[in-house]
N, C-alpha and C. Protein backbone atom coordinates (compact mmCIF):
# COMPACT_ATOMS: atom_id res chain seq x y z
N MET A 1 153.31 144.08 157.55
CA MET A 1 152.46 142.94 157.20
C MET A 1 152.43 142.80 155.68
N GLN A 2 152.77 141.62 155.19
CA GLN A 2 152.86 141.37 153.77
C GLN A 2 151.77 140.41 153.31
N ILE A 3 151.43 140.50 152.01
CA ILE A 3 150.41 139.62 151.45
C ILE A 3 150.82 138.16 151.60
N THR A 4 152.11 137.88 151.40
CA THR A 4 152.60 136.50 151.52
C THR A 4 152.36 135.96 152.93
N GLN A 5 152.59 136.80 153.93
CA GLN A 5 152.35 136.37 155.30
C GLN A 5 150.88 135.99 155.51
N LEU A 6 150.00 136.81 154.96
CA LEU A 6 148.57 136.55 155.11
C LEU A 6 148.15 135.28 154.37
N GLU A 7 148.70 135.08 153.19
CA GLU A 7 148.37 133.87 152.43
C GLU A 7 148.87 132.63 153.15
N TYR A 8 150.06 132.71 153.72
CA TYR A 8 150.59 131.57 154.48
C TYR A 8 149.73 131.32 155.72
N PHE A 9 149.34 132.39 156.40
CA PHE A 9 148.51 132.25 157.60
C PHE A 9 147.20 131.54 157.28
N ILE A 10 146.56 131.90 156.15
CA ILE A 10 145.28 131.29 155.78
C ILE A 10 145.41 129.77 155.64
N VAL A 11 146.49 129.33 155.02
CA VAL A 11 146.69 127.89 154.82
C VAL A 11 146.95 127.19 156.16
N VAL A 12 147.81 127.77 156.98
CA VAL A 12 148.09 127.17 158.28
C VAL A 12 146.83 127.12 159.14
N ALA A 13 146.05 128.21 159.10
CA ALA A 13 144.82 128.27 159.89
C ALA A 13 143.80 127.24 159.40
N ARG A 14 143.74 127.04 158.11
CA ARG A 14 142.77 126.08 157.55
C ARG A 14 143.16 124.64 157.90
N LEU A 15 144.44 124.34 157.84
CA LEU A 15 144.89 122.96 158.08
C LEU A 15 145.20 122.71 159.55
N GLU A 16 145.54 123.77 160.28
CA GLU A 16 145.97 123.66 161.68
C GLU A 16 147.04 122.57 161.82
N HIS A 17 147.98 122.62 160.88
CA HIS A 17 149.06 121.63 160.85
C HIS A 17 150.22 122.25 160.08
N MET A 18 151.32 122.54 160.76
CA MET A 18 152.40 123.30 160.15
C MET A 18 153.09 122.53 159.02
N SER A 19 153.35 121.24 159.20
CA SER A 19 154.06 120.48 158.18
C SER A 19 153.19 120.27 156.94
N GLN A 20 151.91 120.03 157.13
CA GLN A 20 151.01 119.87 155.98
C GLN A 20 150.88 121.20 155.22
N ALA A 21 150.82 122.30 155.95
CA ALA A 21 150.73 123.61 155.32
C ALA A 21 152.00 123.91 154.53
N ALA A 22 153.16 123.55 155.11
CA ALA A 22 154.42 123.77 154.41
C ALA A 22 154.47 122.96 153.12
N LEU A 23 153.94 121.75 153.16
CA LEU A 23 153.92 120.89 151.98
C LEU A 23 153.02 121.49 150.90
N GLU A 24 151.85 121.98 151.29
CA GLU A 24 150.93 122.57 150.33
C GLU A 24 151.49 123.85 149.73
N LEU A 25 152.17 124.63 150.54
CA LEU A 25 152.72 125.91 150.08
C LEU A 25 154.07 125.74 149.38
N GLU A 26 154.63 124.53 149.49
CA GLU A 26 155.92 124.22 148.87
C GLU A 26 157.03 125.11 149.43
N VAL A 27 157.03 125.24 150.75
CA VAL A 27 158.10 125.96 151.46
C VAL A 27 158.57 125.06 152.60
N SER A 28 159.71 125.39 153.16
CA SER A 28 160.21 124.60 154.30
C SER A 28 159.38 124.93 155.54
N GLN A 29 159.30 123.93 156.42
CA GLN A 29 158.51 124.13 157.64
C GLN A 29 159.11 125.22 158.52
N SER A 30 160.43 125.27 158.57
CA SER A 30 161.09 126.29 159.41
C SER A 30 160.82 127.69 158.87
N SER A 31 160.84 127.84 157.53
CA SER A 31 160.56 129.14 156.91
C SER A 31 159.12 129.56 157.17
N LEU A 32 158.21 128.60 157.10
CA LEU A 32 156.80 128.90 157.35
C LEU A 32 156.57 129.29 158.81
N SER A 33 157.22 128.58 159.71
CA SER A 33 157.08 128.90 161.14
C SER A 33 157.58 130.30 161.45
N LYS A 34 158.70 130.68 160.83
CA LYS A 34 159.25 132.02 161.04
C LYS A 34 158.31 133.09 160.48
N THR A 35 157.70 132.80 159.33
CA THR A 35 156.77 133.76 158.72
C THR A 35 155.57 134.00 159.63
N ILE A 36 155.01 132.92 160.17
CA ILE A 36 153.86 133.04 161.07
C ILE A 36 154.25 133.76 162.34
N ALA A 37 155.46 133.47 162.84
CA ALA A 37 155.93 134.13 164.06
C ALA A 37 156.10 135.63 163.84
N ARG A 38 156.62 136.03 162.68
CA ARG A 38 156.77 137.46 162.38
C ARG A 38 155.41 138.14 162.27
N LEU A 39 154.43 137.42 161.69
CA LEU A 39 153.08 137.97 161.57
C LEU A 39 152.49 138.20 162.96
N GLU A 40 152.66 137.24 163.86
CA GLU A 40 152.14 137.38 165.22
C GLU A 40 152.83 138.52 165.96
N ASP A 41 154.15 138.67 165.74
CA ASP A 41 154.87 139.79 166.36
C ASP A 41 154.34 141.12 165.85
N ASP A 42 154.01 141.18 164.55
CA ASP A 42 153.51 142.41 163.97
C ASP A 42 152.14 142.76 164.53
N ILE A 43 151.30 141.75 164.72
CA ILE A 43 149.95 141.98 165.26
C ILE A 43 150.00 142.27 166.77
N GLY A 44 150.90 141.58 167.45
CA GLY A 44 151.06 141.83 168.88
C GLY A 44 150.45 140.78 169.78
N VAL A 45 149.80 139.78 169.19
CA VAL A 45 149.21 138.69 169.98
C VAL A 45 149.41 137.37 169.23
N PRO A 46 149.46 136.25 169.95
CA PRO A 46 149.54 134.95 169.27
C PRO A 46 148.20 134.62 168.59
N LEU A 47 148.29 133.99 167.45
CA LEU A 47 147.08 133.61 166.71
C LEU A 47 146.76 132.13 166.86
N PHE A 48 147.72 131.37 167.39
CA PHE A 48 147.53 129.93 167.56
C PHE A 48 147.87 129.54 169.00
N ASP A 49 147.20 128.52 169.49
CA ASP A 49 147.59 127.86 170.74
C ASP A 49 148.46 126.68 170.34
N ARG A 50 149.64 126.60 170.91
CA ARG A 50 150.60 125.56 170.55
C ARG A 50 150.80 124.60 171.72
N LYS A 51 150.67 123.32 171.41
CA LYS A 51 150.95 122.27 172.39
C LYS A 51 151.77 121.21 171.69
N GLY A 52 153.06 121.26 171.93
CA GLY A 52 153.96 120.34 171.24
C GLY A 52 153.97 120.66 169.75
N LYS A 53 153.67 119.65 168.92
CA LYS A 53 153.62 119.85 167.47
C LYS A 53 152.22 120.25 167.00
N SER A 54 151.28 120.26 167.93
CA SER A 54 149.89 120.58 167.58
C SER A 54 149.66 122.09 167.68
N ILE A 55 148.92 122.63 166.70
CA ILE A 55 148.56 124.05 166.73
C ILE A 55 147.06 124.17 166.48
N ARG A 56 146.45 125.12 167.17
CA ARG A 56 145.02 125.38 167.00
C ARG A 56 144.80 126.89 167.00
N LEU A 57 143.88 127.34 166.13
CA LEU A 57 143.53 128.75 166.14
C LEU A 57 142.94 129.13 167.49
N ASN A 58 143.40 130.23 168.06
CA ASN A 58 142.77 130.72 169.27
C ASN A 58 141.71 131.77 168.91
N GLU A 59 141.18 132.44 169.90
CA GLU A 59 140.11 133.41 169.66
C GLU A 59 140.59 134.54 168.74
N TYR A 60 141.81 135.02 168.97
CA TYR A 60 142.36 136.07 168.10
C TYR A 60 142.53 135.56 166.67
N GLY A 61 143.02 134.35 166.58
CA GLY A 61 143.28 133.75 165.27
C GLY A 61 142.02 133.56 164.46
N ARG A 62 140.93 133.16 165.13
CA ARG A 62 139.67 132.94 164.40
C ARG A 62 139.14 134.26 163.84
N ILE A 63 139.23 135.32 164.63
CA ILE A 63 138.78 136.64 164.14
C ILE A 63 139.65 137.08 162.97
N PHE A 64 140.96 136.91 163.14
CA PHE A 64 141.89 137.32 162.10
C PHE A 64 141.69 136.50 160.82
N TYR A 65 141.44 135.21 160.97
CA TYR A 65 141.23 134.31 159.84
C TYR A 65 140.02 134.75 159.00
N GLU A 66 138.95 135.10 159.69
CA GLU A 66 137.73 135.53 159.00
C GLU A 66 137.96 136.82 158.22
N LYS A 67 138.61 137.79 158.86
CA LYS A 67 138.84 139.09 158.21
C LYS A 67 139.84 138.99 157.06
N VAL A 68 140.92 138.25 157.28
CA VAL A 68 141.95 138.11 156.26
C VAL A 68 141.41 137.35 155.05
N GLY A 69 140.63 136.32 155.30
CA GLY A 69 140.04 135.57 154.19
C GLY A 69 139.19 136.45 153.30
N LYS A 70 138.37 137.30 153.91
CA LYS A 70 137.53 138.22 153.15
C LYS A 70 138.38 139.24 152.39
N ALA A 71 139.41 139.76 153.04
CA ALA A 71 140.27 140.75 152.40
C ALA A 71 140.99 140.17 151.18
N LEU A 72 141.50 138.96 151.30
CA LEU A 72 142.20 138.32 150.18
C LEU A 72 141.23 138.01 149.04
N ASP A 73 140.01 137.60 149.38
CA ASP A 73 138.99 137.36 148.35
C ASP A 73 138.67 138.66 147.60
N ASP A 74 138.54 139.75 148.35
CA ASP A 74 138.24 141.05 147.73
C ASP A 74 139.38 141.49 146.81
N LEU A 75 140.62 141.26 147.24
CA LEU A 75 141.77 141.63 146.42
C LEU A 75 141.80 140.83 145.12
N GLN A 76 141.52 139.53 145.23
CA GLN A 76 141.53 138.69 144.04
C GLN A 76 140.40 139.07 143.09
N GLU A 77 139.24 139.38 143.65
CA GLU A 77 138.10 139.81 142.84
C GLU A 77 138.40 141.11 142.11
N ALA A 78 139.04 142.04 142.82
CA ALA A 78 139.40 143.32 142.21
C ALA A 78 140.41 143.11 141.09
N LYS A 79 141.39 142.26 141.33
CA LYS A 79 142.41 141.98 140.31
C LYS A 79 141.78 141.37 139.07
N THR A 80 140.89 140.39 139.27
CA THR A 80 140.23 139.73 138.15
C THR A 80 139.37 140.70 137.37
N GLU A 81 138.61 141.53 138.08
CA GLU A 81 137.73 142.49 137.42
C GLU A 81 138.52 143.50 136.59
N ILE A 82 139.62 143.98 137.12
CA ILE A 82 140.44 144.95 136.39
C ILE A 82 141.09 144.31 135.18
N GLN A 83 141.57 143.08 135.32
CA GLN A 83 142.19 142.38 134.19
C GLN A 83 141.19 142.14 133.08
N GLU A 84 139.97 141.74 133.46
CA GLU A 84 138.94 141.50 132.45
C GLU A 84 138.58 142.81 131.75
N LEU A 85 138.48 143.88 132.52
CA LEU A 85 138.16 145.18 131.94
C LEU A 85 139.27 145.64 130.99
N ALA A 86 140.51 145.42 131.39
CA ALA A 86 141.64 145.81 130.55
C ALA A 86 141.67 145.01 129.27
N ASN A 87 141.37 143.73 129.35
CA ASN A 87 141.37 142.88 128.15
C ASN A 87 140.31 143.32 127.17
N ILE A 88 139.13 143.69 127.67
CA ILE A 88 138.04 144.09 126.79
C ILE A 88 138.32 145.43 126.14
N ARG A 89 138.78 146.39 126.94
CA ARG A 89 138.90 147.76 126.44
C ARG A 89 140.23 148.04 125.76
N GLU A 90 141.28 147.35 126.19
CA GLU A 90 142.60 147.71 125.71
C GLU A 90 143.20 146.71 124.73
N ASP A 91 142.80 145.44 124.80
CA ASP A 91 143.50 144.43 124.03
C ASP A 91 142.75 143.98 122.79
N SER A 92 141.61 144.56 122.50
CA SER A 92 140.88 144.18 121.29
C SER A 92 140.10 145.38 120.75
N VAL A 93 139.97 145.41 119.44
CA VAL A 93 139.20 146.44 118.77
C VAL A 93 138.28 145.75 117.76
N ALA A 94 136.99 146.04 117.84
CA ALA A 94 136.02 145.49 116.89
C ALA A 94 135.71 146.54 115.84
N ILE A 95 135.91 146.19 114.58
CA ILE A 95 135.73 147.15 113.50
C ILE A 95 134.90 146.53 112.39
N ASN A 96 134.02 147.34 111.83
CA ASN A 96 133.24 146.89 110.67
C ASN A 96 133.76 147.62 109.44
N VAL A 97 134.25 146.87 108.47
CA VAL A 97 134.75 147.45 107.22
C VAL A 97 134.50 146.44 106.11
N MET A 98 133.79 146.87 105.09
CA MET A 98 133.43 145.96 104.02
C MET A 98 134.62 145.63 103.12
N ASN A 99 135.55 146.56 103.02
CA ASN A 99 136.72 146.35 102.16
C ASN A 99 137.92 146.05 103.04
N SER A 100 138.31 144.78 103.15
CA SER A 100 139.40 144.39 104.03
C SER A 100 140.76 144.87 103.54
N LYS A 101 140.85 145.32 102.29
CA LYS A 101 142.12 145.82 101.77
C LYS A 101 142.53 147.12 102.46
N LEU A 102 141.59 147.77 103.12
CA LEU A 102 141.90 149.02 103.81
C LEU A 102 142.70 148.78 105.10
N LEU A 103 142.53 147.63 105.71
CA LEU A 103 143.10 147.40 107.03
C LEU A 103 144.62 147.51 107.10
N PRO A 104 145.37 146.86 106.21
CA PRO A 104 146.84 146.99 106.33
C PRO A 104 147.32 148.43 106.29
N LYS A 105 146.74 149.22 105.42
CA LYS A 105 147.15 150.62 105.30
C LYS A 105 146.76 151.42 106.53
N LEU A 106 145.56 151.22 107.03
CA LEU A 106 145.05 152.02 108.14
C LEU A 106 145.69 151.65 109.47
N PHE A 107 146.01 150.37 109.66
CA PHE A 107 146.46 149.92 110.96
C PHE A 107 147.95 149.66 111.07
N TYR A 108 148.69 149.97 110.04
CA TYR A 108 150.13 149.72 110.07
C TYR A 108 150.80 150.48 111.23
N ASP A 109 150.56 151.78 111.30
CA ASP A 109 151.15 152.59 112.36
C ASP A 109 150.59 152.23 113.74
N PHE A 110 149.30 151.89 113.77
CA PHE A 110 148.67 151.50 115.03
C PHE A 110 149.32 150.24 115.60
N TYR A 111 149.57 149.26 114.74
CA TYR A 111 150.18 148.00 115.18
C TYR A 111 151.60 148.21 115.66
N LYS A 112 152.31 149.17 115.12
CA LYS A 112 153.67 149.43 115.58
C LYS A 112 153.66 149.92 117.03
N LYS A 113 152.63 150.69 117.39
CA LYS A 113 152.53 151.20 118.75
C LYS A 113 151.88 150.21 119.70
N ARG A 114 150.93 149.43 119.20
CA ARG A 114 150.18 148.50 120.05
C ARG A 114 150.16 147.12 119.41
N PRO A 115 151.30 146.42 119.38
CA PRO A 115 151.39 145.13 118.66
C PRO A 115 150.54 144.01 119.25
N ASN A 116 150.13 144.14 120.50
CA ASN A 116 149.38 143.06 121.15
C ASN A 116 147.86 143.20 121.02
N VAL A 117 147.41 144.28 120.43
CA VAL A 117 145.97 144.50 120.28
C VAL A 117 145.43 143.59 119.17
N LYS A 118 144.31 142.96 119.44
CA LYS A 118 143.67 142.09 118.46
C LYS A 118 142.56 142.85 117.73
N ILE A 119 142.53 142.72 116.42
CA ILE A 119 141.50 143.37 115.62
C ILE A 119 140.45 142.33 115.25
N ARG A 120 139.21 142.60 115.60
CA ARG A 120 138.10 141.72 115.20
C ARG A 120 137.32 142.43 114.09
N GLN A 121 137.32 141.85 112.91
CA GLN A 121 136.68 142.48 111.76
C GLN A 121 135.30 141.88 111.50
N TYR A 122 134.35 142.76 111.24
CA TYR A 122 133.00 142.35 110.87
C TYR A 122 132.71 142.84 109.46
N LEU A 123 131.87 142.10 108.76
CA LEU A 123 131.46 142.47 107.41
C LEU A 123 129.95 142.63 107.39
N LEU A 124 129.47 143.64 108.09
CA LEU A 124 128.04 143.84 108.24
C LEU A 124 127.56 144.98 107.34
N PRO A 125 126.31 144.93 106.89
CA PRO A 125 125.73 146.07 106.17
C PRO A 125 125.79 147.32 107.03
N ASP A 126 125.87 148.47 106.37
CA ASP A 126 126.07 149.73 107.09
C ASP A 126 125.03 149.97 108.19
N LYS A 127 123.76 149.72 107.89
CA LYS A 127 122.70 150.00 108.86
C LYS A 127 122.84 149.13 110.11
N LEU A 128 123.12 147.85 109.90
CA LEU A 128 123.29 146.94 111.04
C LEU A 128 124.54 147.30 111.83
N ALA A 129 125.63 147.63 111.12
CA ALA A 129 126.87 148.01 111.79
C ALA A 129 126.67 149.27 112.63
N LEU A 130 125.89 150.21 112.10
CA LEU A 130 125.63 151.45 112.84
C LEU A 130 124.88 151.16 114.13
N GLN A 131 123.92 150.26 114.08
CA GLN A 131 123.18 149.88 115.29
C GLN A 131 124.13 149.28 116.33
N LYS A 132 125.03 148.41 115.88
CA LYS A 132 125.97 147.77 116.80
C LYS A 132 126.98 148.78 117.35
N LEU A 133 127.34 149.76 116.54
CA LEU A 133 128.26 150.81 116.99
C LEU A 133 127.61 151.62 118.10
N ILE A 134 126.36 152.01 117.91
CA ILE A 134 125.64 152.80 118.90
C ILE A 134 125.45 152.01 120.19
N CYS A 135 125.22 150.70 120.06
CA CYS A 135 125.02 149.85 121.24
C CYS A 135 126.34 149.49 121.93
N GLY A 136 127.48 149.79 121.28
CA GLY A 136 128.77 149.48 121.87
C GLY A 136 129.28 148.09 121.57
N GLU A 137 128.63 147.38 120.65
CA GLU A 137 129.08 146.03 120.31
C GLU A 137 130.28 146.04 119.38
N ILE A 138 130.47 147.12 118.62
CA ILE A 138 131.69 147.32 117.85
C ILE A 138 132.25 148.70 118.18
N ASP A 139 133.54 148.90 117.94
CA ASP A 139 134.20 150.13 118.35
C ASP A 139 134.21 151.19 117.25
N LEU A 140 134.33 150.78 116.01
CA LEU A 140 134.32 151.72 114.91
C LEU A 140 133.92 151.04 113.62
N MET A 141 133.50 151.84 112.66
CA MET A 141 133.13 151.31 111.35
C MET A 141 133.64 152.24 110.28
N ILE A 142 134.01 151.68 109.15
CA ILE A 142 134.49 152.46 108.01
C ILE A 142 133.44 152.37 106.92
N VAL A 143 132.93 153.51 106.52
CA VAL A 143 131.86 153.57 105.52
C VAL A 143 132.23 154.57 104.43
N ILE A 144 131.51 154.50 103.31
CA ILE A 144 131.77 155.39 102.19
C ILE A 144 131.22 156.78 102.45
N ASN A 145 130.00 156.84 102.95
CA ASN A 145 129.30 158.12 103.11
C ASN A 145 129.34 158.62 104.55
N PRO A 146 129.29 159.94 104.74
CA PRO A 146 129.21 160.50 106.09
C PRO A 146 127.95 160.02 106.81
N ILE A 147 128.06 159.85 108.12
CA ILE A 147 126.92 159.46 108.94
C ILE A 147 126.60 160.61 109.87
N LYS A 148 125.39 161.11 109.79
CA LYS A 148 124.96 162.22 110.65
C LYS A 148 124.12 161.67 111.78
N ASP A 149 124.73 161.55 112.94
CA ASP A 149 124.05 161.04 114.12
C ASP A 149 124.75 161.63 115.34
N GLU A 150 124.02 162.30 116.19
CA GLU A 150 124.62 163.00 117.33
C GLU A 150 125.24 162.04 118.33
N ARG A 151 124.91 160.75 118.23
CA ARG A 151 125.45 159.77 119.18
C ARG A 151 126.83 159.27 118.80
N ILE A 152 127.31 159.58 117.60
CA ILE A 152 128.61 159.11 117.16
C ILE A 152 129.42 160.26 116.57
N GLU A 153 130.70 160.03 116.41
CA GLU A 153 131.59 161.01 115.78
C GLU A 153 132.08 160.42 114.46
N TRP A 154 131.91 161.19 113.38
CA TRP A 154 132.35 160.76 112.06
C TRP A 154 133.56 161.59 111.63
N VAL A 155 134.62 160.90 111.21
CA VAL A 155 135.85 161.58 110.80
C VAL A 155 136.27 161.04 109.43
N PRO A 156 136.49 161.91 108.43
CA PRO A 156 136.94 161.43 107.12
C PRO A 156 138.37 160.92 107.18
N LEU A 157 138.62 159.77 106.56
CA LEU A 157 139.96 159.19 106.54
C LEU A 157 140.75 159.63 105.31
N PHE A 158 140.12 159.56 104.15
CA PHE A 158 140.77 159.97 102.91
C PHE A 158 139.71 160.06 101.82
N THR A 159 140.09 160.64 100.68
CA THR A 159 139.19 160.71 99.52
C THR A 159 139.80 159.90 98.39
N GLU A 160 138.94 159.37 97.54
CA GLU A 160 139.39 158.56 96.42
C GLU A 160 138.67 158.98 95.14
N GLU A 161 139.35 158.76 94.01
CA GLU A 161 138.70 158.97 92.73
C GLU A 161 137.78 157.80 92.44
N VAL A 162 136.67 158.08 91.78
CA VAL A 162 135.73 157.04 91.40
C VAL A 162 135.66 157.02 89.87
N PHE A 163 135.86 155.83 89.31
CA PHE A 163 135.85 155.69 87.86
C PHE A 163 134.59 154.94 87.43
N LEU A 164 134.00 155.41 86.35
CA LEU A 164 132.81 154.77 85.79
C LEU A 164 133.22 154.00 84.53
N VAL A 165 132.92 152.72 84.50
CA VAL A 165 133.26 151.88 83.35
C VAL A 165 131.98 151.59 82.58
N VAL A 166 131.97 151.99 81.31
CA VAL A 166 130.80 151.79 80.45
C VAL A 166 131.26 151.27 79.09
N PRO A 167 130.36 150.67 78.31
CA PRO A 167 130.71 150.24 76.95
C PRO A 167 131.08 151.44 76.07
N LYS A 168 131.84 151.21 75.00
CA LYS A 168 132.29 152.29 74.12
C LYS A 168 131.14 153.05 73.50
N ASN A 169 130.03 152.34 73.26
CA ASN A 169 128.90 152.99 72.60
C ASN A 169 127.92 153.62 73.59
N HIS A 170 128.28 153.69 74.88
CA HIS A 170 127.40 154.27 75.89
C HIS A 170 127.41 155.79 75.76
N PRO A 171 126.28 156.46 75.97
CA PRO A 171 126.20 157.93 75.84
C PRO A 171 127.22 158.68 76.72
N LEU A 172 127.62 158.09 77.85
CA LEU A 172 128.56 158.76 78.74
C LEU A 172 130.02 158.47 78.41
N ALA A 173 130.27 157.58 77.46
CA ALA A 173 131.64 157.15 77.16
C ALA A 173 132.51 158.28 76.62
N ALA A 174 131.94 159.24 75.97
CA ALA A 174 132.72 160.32 75.35
C ALA A 174 133.12 161.41 76.34
N LYS A 175 132.56 161.40 77.53
CA LYS A 175 132.84 162.46 78.51
C LYS A 175 134.08 162.12 79.34
N GLU A 176 134.89 163.14 79.62
CA GLU A 176 136.07 162.94 80.45
C GLU A 176 135.71 162.87 81.94
N SER A 177 134.67 163.57 82.34
CA SER A 177 134.22 163.51 83.72
C SER A 177 132.72 163.79 83.76
N ILE A 178 132.06 163.27 84.76
CA ILE A 178 130.62 163.46 84.89
C ILE A 178 130.27 163.66 86.36
N SER A 179 129.09 164.12 86.62
CA SER A 179 128.54 164.18 87.96
C SER A 179 127.79 162.88 88.21
N LEU A 180 127.86 162.38 89.41
CA LEU A 180 127.17 161.12 89.71
C LEU A 180 125.67 161.21 89.49
N ILE A 181 125.13 162.40 89.58
CA ILE A 181 123.68 162.56 89.37
C ILE A 181 123.30 162.14 87.96
N GLU A 182 124.25 162.21 87.03
CA GLU A 182 123.98 161.80 85.65
C GLU A 182 123.79 160.29 85.52
N THR A 183 124.19 159.55 86.52
CA THR A 183 124.08 158.08 86.46
C THR A 183 122.90 157.56 87.27
N LYS A 184 122.03 158.45 87.68
CA LYS A 184 120.95 158.04 88.59
C LYS A 184 120.02 156.98 88.01
N ASP A 185 119.93 156.90 86.68
CA ASP A 185 119.04 155.92 86.07
C ASP A 185 119.80 154.69 85.56
N GLU A 186 121.11 154.62 85.86
CA GLU A 186 121.93 153.52 85.36
C GLU A 186 121.87 152.33 86.32
N MET A 187 122.14 151.15 85.77
CA MET A 187 122.23 149.93 86.58
C MET A 187 123.70 149.71 86.94
N PHE A 188 123.99 149.48 88.23
CA PHE A 188 125.37 149.29 88.69
C PHE A 188 125.61 147.84 89.09
N ILE A 189 126.84 147.40 88.89
CA ILE A 189 127.27 146.09 89.36
C ILE A 189 128.11 146.33 90.62
N LEU A 190 127.67 145.79 91.75
CA LEU A 190 128.37 145.98 93.01
C LEU A 190 128.95 144.66 93.48
N SER A 191 130.17 144.71 94.00
CA SER A 191 130.82 143.48 94.49
C SER A 191 130.43 143.14 95.92
N GLU A 192 129.90 144.11 96.65
CA GLU A 192 129.54 143.88 98.04
C GLU A 192 128.14 144.40 98.31
N THR A 193 127.41 143.72 99.14
CA THR A 193 126.05 144.14 99.48
C THR A 193 126.06 144.87 100.81
N GLY A 194 125.03 145.67 101.02
CA GLY A 194 124.88 146.34 102.31
C GLY A 194 125.51 147.70 102.38
N GLN A 195 126.22 148.12 101.33
CA GLN A 195 126.86 149.42 101.34
C GLN A 195 126.03 150.43 100.55
N ASN A 196 126.03 151.64 101.03
CA ASN A 196 125.41 152.73 100.30
C ASN A 196 126.47 153.48 99.53
N PHE A 197 126.07 154.11 98.43
CA PHE A 197 127.00 154.92 97.67
C PHE A 197 126.33 156.23 97.36
N GLN A 198 126.95 157.32 97.82
CA GLN A 198 126.32 158.63 97.68
C GLN A 198 126.44 159.13 96.25
N LYS A 199 125.32 159.54 95.66
CA LYS A 199 125.30 160.02 94.29
C LYS A 199 125.21 161.54 94.26
């Protein structure tokens, strides 16, 4: 018993007219008749009462029609549900990263392996992004500072040098290196809002 046989049977049973069913299914009437005949042979009983060119579902056919219709609906529902689940989990990644220049470097190798995955980028403040990460609304976030929260996993990607730019006459200008704690009373110019910077 094949799915195609069942799908053809449903149409014939609904229309109770072989030529109309063949037209709707876009197959020849002889091919459709043979398919239904093979289905009946497989089941072991006729599903239609035939009188000349007229066909009507019999008692067996009505029972079979009800069960097959439900089974095909369940199969389609399962297929749709799995496809939707696959699209959400496998075909898109939601990421929060304030610096978009990081993406080409970070995702180059990923795209080579998964070229069909879509990246959705958000530019949210760290606190709001963390809330969405915990709720499952985004998949990952890239931040400057470590996040200590038992509900998530934090992994360092890389380290970078940080340079301090000050006027020539600034007290810190003569030093080759400093600790960030020395700048605790300084005013900073930031290009992006919502980010924390660990001192």
